[in-house]
Amino acid sequence: MGSFGEYIKSAIASIAGNKGRSFLTMLGIIIGISSVLTVLIIGDGMKATVNSEMDSIGATTVSVNLVNTKTDKKYTKAQLDLIGESLDNIYGISPSFTCYGNLKTRKGDLIDTVVTGDSEVSENSGQIKMLHGRYYSKSDVEDDKRVIVISQTFANMVFGYEDVVGNIVEITSDDKTQEFTVVGVREDTQMDMVYANLGDNAMIMCSAPYTSLADAFDYQIDDMFTSFTIYLDSEYKDAVLAQTRAVVENIMGLRGENAVNISSGYGFDATTNSILDIITSVVAIIAAISLLVGGIGVMNIMTVSVTERTREIGIRKSLGARTSSILTQFLAEAAILTFTGGIIGIAFGLSVSFIICKVVDFSFTVNPMLVAGVVLISTAIGLFFGIYPAKRAANLDPIEALRNE
């Protein structure tokens, strides 16, 4: 029959002779390929954006807890200070507790207040953006200074304006009222806004040095903490995790008791990526159904083509064309159809995903291996679904084919 190049020329000529039908055949492949590619690129962009946001935070946390079924010990302030000094490559450590109380607004109304007691290193959490003043300092914590950092909502609800640095707030908890000086106003978080809009159950949130808060409301600071948080840069996670257990067990006298539980955000990036991968894969599989439909469309059209060209096939076989030659030509037609559809689908998918990523502010990242894989898949679909009509054409009896009108 000739070289493989002749098969390709013949296949292209046949496709070009039926432009409308060929385009409609490719349409299913175009839609399928572009859908799958768009979903995968948006998924990659979403992961890149999430990881970028995580990196922009800079800090990560490690929580260290004493297992209450293994020990009844609690961290003292001196032990916490020593642990913080013994760990390398960290911003610091902070115990934390919550004090619930209330205060009066400028209108004289009582509003529930949640005060978090922690240390100055909490500012490194990446969730605190100061708008006015400053966060409390290490000296504030060490000297038990009655200072407080409040939210925008807190400032507006209590004072009626935002820059209230230097003002005094009176917080009442367990029938005891204490004064705190506002040293900073931070930007509202989503939690601030949610709690502030609970109607009759509205709450405002603030934070103070854990030492001064405990002193103000008579908490026993050396008999209340069974956990603390380490703040560190994410690049030092491995080293800090490897060091923490030994340091804590030695200082607390708990070696060999398995009484220290350490949990961290170390696996958070991997977990987040895994979740996003699963979501992307599920949506991609759903989108890939259109590829299946497109492949079936290729098989149907190729089957129709075989029926229409039965007499042509009979003439070629009677002139000596081998079965393998007929098979190769029809497979070449199917492969060309799906390959071309795949290329168009890729171009369309890249365009759509680029627009969507720009609209939703995701990173637009294209993996060349992904694009190459999509091209191979589209071609493979053509070959797979083209086998049945190709074999049907190749196996036609030349005599019966010549009788076809």
Protein backbone atom coordinates (compact mmCIF):
# COMPACT_ATOMS: atom_id res chain seq x y z
CA MET A 1 0.00 0.00 0.00
CA GLY A 2 2.94 2.33 0.52
CA SER A 3 4.73 4.09 3.27
CA PHE A 4 3.24 5.36 6.51
CA GLY A 5 3.40 8.89 5.09
CA GLU A 6 0.93 7.87 2.39
CA TYR A 7 -1.47 6.61 5.06
CA ILE A 8 -1.28 9.99 6.77
CA LYS A 9 -1.86 11.86 3.49
CA SER A 10 -4.82 9.66 2.67
CA ALA A 11 -6.25 10.12 6.16
CA ILE A 12 -5.87 13.90 5.98
CA ALA A 13 -7.49 13.96 2.54
CA SER A 14 -10.44 11.95 3.85
CA ILE A 15 -10.84 14.27 6.86
CA ALA A 16 -10.56 17.39 4.68
CA GLY A 17 -13.19 16.00 2.34
CA ASN A 18 -15.72 16.02 5.18
CA LYS A 19 -14.82 19.20 7.06
CA GLY A 20 -18.15 19.71 8.80
CA ARG A 21 -18.44 16.16 10.04
CA SER A 22 -14.78 16.08 11.03
CA PHE A 23 -15.18 19.25 13.11
CA LEU A 24 -18.26 17.92 14.86
CA THR A 25 -16.35 14.71 15.59
CA MET A 26 -13.49 16.71 17.09
CA LEU A 27 -15.84 18.92 19.09
CA GLY A 28 -16.39 16.31 21.78
CA ILE A 29 -12.62 15.85 22.12
CA ILE A 30 -12.06 19.62 22.19
CA ILE A 31 -14.61 20.09 24.97
CA GLY A 32 -13.29 17.13 26.94
CA ILE A 33 -9.62 18.08 26.69
CA SER A 34 -10.24 21.77 27.45
CA SER A 35 -12.44 20.87 30.45
CA VAL A 36 -9.89 18.51 31.97
CA LEU A 37 -6.98 20.88 31.31
CA THR A 38 -8.87 23.86 32.74
CA VAL A 39 -9.74 21.98 35.92
CA LEU A 40 -6.17 20.74 36.42
CA ILE A 41 -4.59 24.15 35.79
CA ILE A 42 -7.03 25.89 38.12
CA GLY A 43 -6.34 23.18 40.71
CA ASP A 44 -2.59 23.78 40.41
CA GLY A 45 -3.17 27.52 40.59
CA MET A 46 -5.28 27.11 43.71
CA LYS A 47 -2.55 25.02 45.38
CA ALA A 48 0.12 27.53 44.40
CA THR A 49 -1.96 30.39 45.77
CA VAL A 50 -2.67 28.61 49.06
CA ASN A 51 1.00 27.70 49.49
CA SER A 52 1.99 31.26 48.66
CA GLU A 53 -0.38 32.56 51.32
CA MET A 54 1.07 30.09 53.82
CA ASP A 55 4.59 31.21 52.95
CA SER A 56 3.63 34.87 53.29
CA ILE A 57 2.57 34.22 56.85
CA GLY A 58 6.16 33.16 57.46
CA ALA A 59 5.63 31.72 60.92
CA THR A 60 4.26 28.39 61.90
CA THR A 61 3.41 26.91 65.27
CA VAL A 62 4.18 23.84 67.33
CA SER A 63 1.90 22.92 70.23
CA VAL A 64 3.43 21.11 73.21
CA ASN A 65 1.00 19.45 75.63
CA LEU A 66 1.44 17.45 78.80
CA VAL A 67 -0.65 14.26 78.63
CA ASN A 68 -2.90 14.37 81.69
CA THR A 69 -3.22 10.59 81.85
CA LYS A 70 0.56 10.29 82.16
CA THR A 71 1.41 13.19 84.47
CA ASP A 72 -0.25 15.76 86.72
CA LYS A 73 2.57 18.26 86.32
CA LYS A 74 2.00 21.77 85.01
CA TYR A 75 4.37 24.28 83.48
CA THR A 76 5.58 27.03 85.77
CA LYS A 77 6.57 30.41 84.38
CA ALA A 78 10.21 29.68 85.20
CA GLN A 79 10.06 26.38 83.31
CA LEU A 80 8.42 28.05 80.33
CA ASP A 81 11.11 30.71 80.27
CA LEU A 82 13.82 28.06 80.42
CA ILE A 83 12.24 26.03 77.62
CA GLY A 84 12.04 29.14 75.45
CA GLU A 85 15.71 29.92 76.10
CA SER A 86 16.77 26.32 75.36
CA LEU A 87 15.17 26.00 71.92
CA ASP A 88 17.06 27.26 68.87
CA ASN A 89 15.70 29.08 65.81
CA ILE A 90 12.36 30.14 67.31
CA TYR A 91 10.64 33.49 67.82
CA GLY A 92 9.65 32.36 71.28
CA ILE A 93 7.01 30.38 73.16
CA SER A 94 3.70 31.36 74.64
CA PRO A 95 1.22 29.77 77.00
CA SER A 96 -2.34 30.92 76.50
CA PHE A 97 -5.60 31.12 78.39
CA THR A 98 -8.93 32.87 77.94
CA CYS A 99 -10.66 35.16 80.40
CA TYR A 100 -14.37 35.95 79.95
CA GLY A 101 -15.82 39.18 81.29
CA ASN A 102 -17.67 42.30 80.26
CA LEU A 103 -17.26 46.06 80.04
CA LYS A 104 -19.33 49.16 79.45
CA THR A 105 -19.59 50.81 76.04
CA ARG A 106 -19.66 54.59 75.59
CA LYS A 107 -23.45 54.37 75.79
CA GLY A 108 -23.31 52.56 79.10
CA ASP A 109 -24.29 49.17 77.70
CA LEU A 110 -22.59 46.04 79.00
CA ILE A 111 -20.96 43.90 76.34
CA ASP A 112 -19.33 40.52 76.73
CA THR A 113 -15.57 40.55 76.37
CA VAL A 114 -13.11 37.76 75.60
CA VAL A 115 -9.55 38.46 76.68
CA THR A 116 -6.77 36.14 75.52
CA GLY A 117 -3.73 36.03 77.75
CA ASP A 118 -0.52 35.16 75.90
CA SER A 119 2.99 36.46 75.32
CA GLU A 120 4.51 39.00 72.96
CA VAL A 121 5.58 36.33 70.45
CA SER A 122 1.94 35.77 69.48
CA GLU A 123 2.37 38.76 67.21
CA ASN A 124 4.39 36.45 64.95
CA SER A 125 1.37 34.28 64.20
CA GLY A 126 0.89 36.15 60.91
CA GLN A 127 -2.75 36.89 61.79
CA ILE A 128 -2.13 40.18 63.61
CA LYS A 129 -1.86 43.45 61.73
CA MET A 130 -1.42 46.49 63.91
CA LEU A 131 -3.23 49.66 62.82
CA HIS A 132 -2.44 51.96 65.73
CA GLY A 133 0.11 51.78 68.50
CA ARG A 134 2.03 48.57 69.14
CA TYR A 135 1.73 45.05 70.38
CA TYR A 136 2.78 44.41 73.96
CA SER A 137 6.46 43.74 74.49
CA LYS A 138 8.56 41.22 76.37
CA SER A 139 9.08 43.76 79.16
CA ASP A 140 5.29 44.19 79.39
CA VAL A 141 5.00 40.44 79.95
CA GLU A 142 7.91 40.22 82.40
CA ASP A 143 6.75 43.25 84.43
CA ASP A 144 3.05 42.24 84.52
CA LYS A 145 2.01 45.56 82.96
CA ARG A 146 -1.73 46.11 82.65
CA VAL A 147 -1.71 46.76 78.92
CA ILE A 148 -4.08 45.48 76.27
CA VAL A 149 -4.34 45.17 72.48
CA ILE A 150 -7.86 45.52 71.10
CA SER A 151 -9.57 45.07 67.73
CA GLN A 152 -11.03 47.77 65.48
CA THR A 153 -14.50 46.60 66.40
CA PHE A 154 -13.66 46.79 70.11
CA ALA A 155 -12.42 50.39 69.70
CA ASN A 156 -15.45 51.55 67.74
CA MET A 157 -18.02 49.84 69.94
CA VAL A 158 -16.52 50.99 73.24
CA PHE A 159 -15.04 54.41 72.38
CA GLY A 160 -16.79 55.38 69.16
CA TYR A 161 -13.59 55.85 67.18
CA GLU A 162 -10.59 53.75 66.17
CA ASP A 163 -7.31 55.27 67.35
CA VAL A 164 -7.79 54.85 71.09
CA VAL A 165 -4.17 54.17 72.08
CA GLY A 166 -3.59 55.43 75.63
CA ASN A 167 -7.21 55.07 76.72
CA ILE A 168 -8.25 52.99 79.71
CA VAL A 169 -10.69 50.07 79.55
CA GLU A 170 -12.30 48.56 82.63
CA ILE A 171 -12.92 44.82 82.34
CA THR A 172 -15.04 42.99 84.88
CA SER A 173 -14.62 39.26 85.43
CA ASP A 174 -15.93 37.25 88.40
CA ASP A 175 -17.14 40.48 90.04
CA LYS A 176 -13.65 41.95 89.93
CA THR A 177 -13.00 45.03 87.80
CA GLN A 178 -9.52 45.89 86.54
CA GLU A 179 -8.15 48.68 84.39
CA PHE A 180 -5.99 48.08 81.32
CA THR A 181 -4.28 50.66 79.13
CA VAL A 182 -4.75 50.29 75.37
CA VAL A 183 -1.31 50.15 73.73
CA GLY A 184 -2.44 48.99 70.30
CA VAL A 185 -5.38 48.55 67.95
CA ARG A 186 -5.19 45.67 65.48
CA GLU A 187 -7.08 44.99 62.30
CA ASP A 188 -10.30 43.01 62.63
CA THR A 189 -10.22 39.33 61.83
CA GLN A 190 -13.16 37.36 60.47
CA MET A 191 -13.76 36.05 63.99
CA ASP A 192 -13.95 39.59 65.37
CA MET A 193 -16.63 40.53 62.88
CA VAL A 194 -18.61 37.33 63.40
CA TYR A 195 -18.68 37.63 67.20
CA ALA A 196 -19.46 41.35 67.08
CA ASN A 197 -22.57 40.72 65.00
CA LEU A 198 -24.29 38.13 67.17
CA GLY A 199 -26.98 40.57 68.29
CA ASP A 200 -27.74 40.16 71.99
CA ASN A 201 -24.90 37.63 72.23
CA ALA A 202 -22.31 39.94 70.68
CA MET A 203 -18.76 39.71 72.01
CA ILE A 204 -15.63 41.76 71.48
CA MET A 205 -12.13 40.33 71.55
CA CYS A 206 -8.78 41.55 72.84
CA SER A 207 -5.51 40.24 74.23
CA ALA A 208 -3.16 41.04 77.09
CA PRO A 209 0.10 39.70 78.55
CA TYR A 210 -0.74 36.42 80.23
CA THR A 211 1.17 37.44 83.35
CA SER A 212 -0.77 40.66 83.91
CA LEU A 213 -4.12 39.08 83.05
CA ALA A 214 -3.50 36.25 85.51
CA ASP A 215 -2.40 38.70 88.17
CA ALA A 216 -5.38 40.98 87.58
CA PHE A 217 -7.97 38.25 88.05
CA ASP A 218 -6.14 36.04 90.59
CA TYR A 219 -5.16 33.11 88.38
CA GLN A 220 -2.36 30.95 89.76
CA ILE A 221 0.13 31.30 86.95
CA ASP A 222 2.38 28.43 88.11
CA ASP A 223 -0.50 25.97 88.38
CA MET A 224 -2.62 26.46 85.28
CA PHE A 225 -0.70 25.64 82.07
CA THR A 226 -0.43 22.16 80.60
CA SER A 227 0.40 23.40 77.11
CA PHE A 228 2.21 26.12 75.25
CA THR A 229 2.83 27.16 71.65
CA ILE A 230 6.17 27.58 69.93
CA TYR A 231 6.34 30.26 67.21
CA LEU A 232 9.00 29.71 64.56
CA ASP A 233 9.82 30.24 60.94
CA SER A 234 8.57 27.38 58.76
CA GLU A 235 12.05 26.63 57.41
CA TYR A 236 13.18 25.50 60.89
CA LYS A 237 10.29 23.13 61.55
CA ASP A 238 12.30 19.92 61.23
CA ALA A 239 15.10 21.08 63.51
CA VAL A 240 12.76 22.44 66.18
CA LEU A 241 10.58 19.34 66.17
CA ALA A 242 13.65 17.16 66.62
CA GLN A 243 14.84 19.25 69.58
CA THR A 244 11.61 20.05 71.41
CA ARG A 245 10.75 16.73 73.03
CA ALA A 246 14.17 16.25 74.62
CA VAL A 247 14.24 19.82 75.95
CA VAL A 248 10.74 19.67 77.45
CA GLU A 249 11.20 16.20 78.96
CA ASN A 250 14.52 17.20 80.56
CA ILE A 251 13.22 20.45 82.05
CA MET A 252 9.97 18.89 83.26
CA GLY A 253 11.64 15.72 84.58
CA LEU A 254 9.57 13.48 82.33
CA ARG A 255 12.21 11.49 80.43
CA GLY A 256 10.96 8.08 79.33
CA GLU A 257 7.40 8.69 80.53
CA ASN A 258 5.94 9.49 77.10
CA ALA A 259 3.99 12.31 78.74
CA VAL A 260 4.77 15.04 76.21
CA ASN A 261 2.62 15.34 73.12
CA ILE A 262 3.89 17.51 70.28
CA SER A 263 1.69 18.55 67.38
CA SER A 264 2.49 21.05 64.70
CA GLY A 265 1.47 22.65 61.48
CA TYR A 266 4.24 20.59 59.84
CA GLY A 267 1.81 18.39 57.95
CA PHE A 268 -0.61 21.19 57.23
CA ASP A 269 0.86 22.10 53.84
CA ALA A 270 0.91 18.45 52.78
CA THR A 271 -2.60 17.88 54.11
CA THR A 272 -3.94 20.97 52.37
CA ASN A 273 -2.30 19.94 49.11
CA SER A 274 -3.71 16.42 49.48
CA ILE A 275 -7.22 17.78 50.00
CA LEU A 276 -6.89 20.13 47.03
CA ASP A 277 -5.48 17.27 44.93
CA ILE A 278 -8.47 15.09 45.79
CA ILE A 279 -10.94 17.86 44.95
CA THR A 280 -9.15 18.61 41.68
CA SER A 281 -8.97 14.92 40.76
CA VAL A 282 -12.67 14.34 41.43
CA VAL A 283 -13.68 17.35 39.32
CA ALA A 284 -11.21 16.31 36.60
CA ILE A 285 -12.68 12.80 36.51
CA ILE A 286 -16.15 14.28 36.12
CA ALA A 287 -14.87 16.53 33.33
CA ALA A 288 -13.16 13.52 31.72
CA ILE A 289 -16.58 11.95 31.15
CA SER A 290 -16.91 14.35 28.22
CA LEU A 291 -13.72 12.80 26.83
CA LEU A 292 -15.40 9.42 26.93
CA VAL A 293 -18.39 10.86 25.13
CA GLY A 294 -16.04 12.44 22.57
CA GLY A 295 -14.28 9.11 22.05
CA ILE A 296 -17.59 7.36 21.45
CA GLY A 297 -18.40 10.11 18.95
CA VAL A 298 -15.16 9.34 17.11
CA MET A 299 -16.05 5.65 16.99
CA ASN A 300 -19.55 6.39 15.68
CA ILE A 301 -18.36 8.73 12.95
CA MET A 302 -15.59 6.36 11.91
CA THR A 303 -18.10 3.52 11.75
CA VAL A 304 -20.31 5.66 9.50
CA SER A 305 -17.26 6.46 7.39
CA VAL A 306 -16.51 2.75 6.98
CA THR A 307 -20.08 2.15 5.87
CA GLU A 308 -19.93 5.01 3.35
CA ARG A 309 -16.58 3.83 1.96
CA THR A 310 -17.34 0.14 1.81
CA ARG A 311 -17.07 0.05 -2.00
CA GLU A 312 -13.81 2.04 -1.93
CA ILE A 313 -12.39 -0.45 0.56
CA GLY A 314 -13.48 -3.34 -1.64
CA ILE A 315 -11.74 -1.84 -4.69
CA ARG A 316 -8.54 -1.27 -2.75
CA LYS A 317 -8.53 -4.78 -1.34
CA SER A 318 -9.20 -6.29 -4.77
CA LEU A 319 -6.18 -4.35 -6.07
CA GLY A 320 -3.96 -5.94 -3.44
CA ALA A 321 -4.29 -3.71 -0.39
CA ARG A 322 -3.46 -5.69 2.71
CA THR A 323 -5.70 -5.89 5.74
CA SER A 324 -3.04 -4.14 7.85
CA SER A 325 -2.94 -1.23 5.38
CA ILE A 326 -6.68 -0.63 5.66
CA LEU A 327 -6.47 -0.93 9.45
CA THR A 328 -3.57 1.54 9.63
CA GLN A 329 -5.30 4.13 7.47
CA PHE A 330 -8.50 4.19 9.54
CA LEU A 331 -6.54 4.26 12.78
CA ALA A 332 -4.52 7.16 11.35
CA GLU A 333 -7.76 9.04 10.60
CA ALA A 334 -9.03 8.50 14.15
CA ALA A 335 -5.69 9.52 15.65
CA ILE A 336 -5.44 12.66 13.52
CA LEU A 337 -8.98 13.67 14.43
CA THR A 338 -8.35 13.32 18.16
CA PHE A 339 -4.82 14.75 18.01
CA THR A 340 -6.08 17.84 16.21
CA GLY A 341 -9.01 18.10 18.60
CA GLY A 342 -6.56 17.76 21.47
CA ILE A 343 -4.38 20.61 20.21
CA ILE A 344 -7.40 22.87 19.79
CA GLY A 345 -8.71 21.77 23.18
CA ILE A 346 -5.38 22.60 24.81
CA ALA A 347 -5.36 26.09 23.29
CA PHE A 348 -8.95 26.64 24.40
CA GLY A 349 -8.31 25.18 27.86
CA LEU A 350 -5.24 27.35 28.41
CA SER A 351 -7.17 30.45 27.40
CA VAL A 352 -10.15 29.68 29.63
CA SER A 353 -8.02 28.72 32.64
CA PHE A 354 -5.91 31.86 32.22
CA ILE A 355 -9.02 34.05 32.29
CA ILE A 356 -10.52 32.22 35.29
CA CYS A 357 -7.25 32.36 37.25
CA LYS A 358 -7.01 36.10 36.63
CA VAL A 359 -10.64 36.67 37.66
CA VAL A 360 -10.40 34.66 40.92
CA ASP A 361 -6.79 35.80 41.55
CA PHE A 362 -5.18 32.34 41.42
CA SER A 363 -1.66 31.72 40.21
CA PHE A 364 -1.57 30.66 36.56
CA THR A 365 0.87 27.78 36.44
CA VAL A 366 1.18 25.39 33.52
CA ASN A 367 3.02 22.10 33.83
CA PRO A 368 4.52 21.21 30.41
CA MET A 369 4.31 17.53 31.32
CA LEU A 370 0.59 17.96 31.92
CA VAL A 371 0.09 19.47 28.46
CA ALA A 372 2.15 16.70 26.84
CA GLY A 373 0.14 14.12 28.75
CA VAL A 374 -3.12 15.63 27.55
CA VAL A 375 -1.93 15.44 23.92
CA LEU A 376 -0.97 11.78 24.38
CA ILE A 377 -4.30 11.00 26.04
CA SER A 378 -6.30 12.61 23.26
CA THR A 379 -4.33 10.65 20.64
CA ALA A 380 -4.70 7.44 22.62
CA ILE A 381 -8.45 7.99 22.78
CA GLY A 382 -8.57 8.21 19.00
CA LEU A 383 -6.58 5.01 18.62
CA PHE A 384 -8.66 3.17 21.22
CA PHE A 385 -12.05 4.17 19.88
CA GLY A 386 -10.86 3.88 16.30
CA ILE A 387 -9.93 0.21 16.66
CA TYR A 388 -13.46 -1.13 16.21
CA PRO A 389 -14.30 0.74 12.97
CA ALA A 390 -10.76 0.20 11.65
CA LYS A 391 -10.95 -3.54 12.24
CA ARG A 392 -14.39 -3.59 10.69
CA ALA A 393 -13.03 -1.89 7.59
CA ALA A 394 -9.96 -4.13 7.44
CA ASN A 395 -11.99 -7.31 7.74
CA LEU A 396 -14.45 -6.52 4.98
CA ASP A 397 -14.71 -9.19 2.31
CA PRO A 398 -13.68 -7.53 -0.97
CA ILE A 399 -16.38 -9.28 -2.98
CA GLU A 400 -19.13 -8.29 -0.59
CA ALA A 401 -17.69 -4.78 -0.39
CA LEU A 402 -17.74 -4.42 -4.20
CA ARG A 403 -21.43 -5.35 -4.26
CA ASN A 404 -22.20 -2.41 -1.97
CA GLU A 405 -23.93 0.48 -3.64
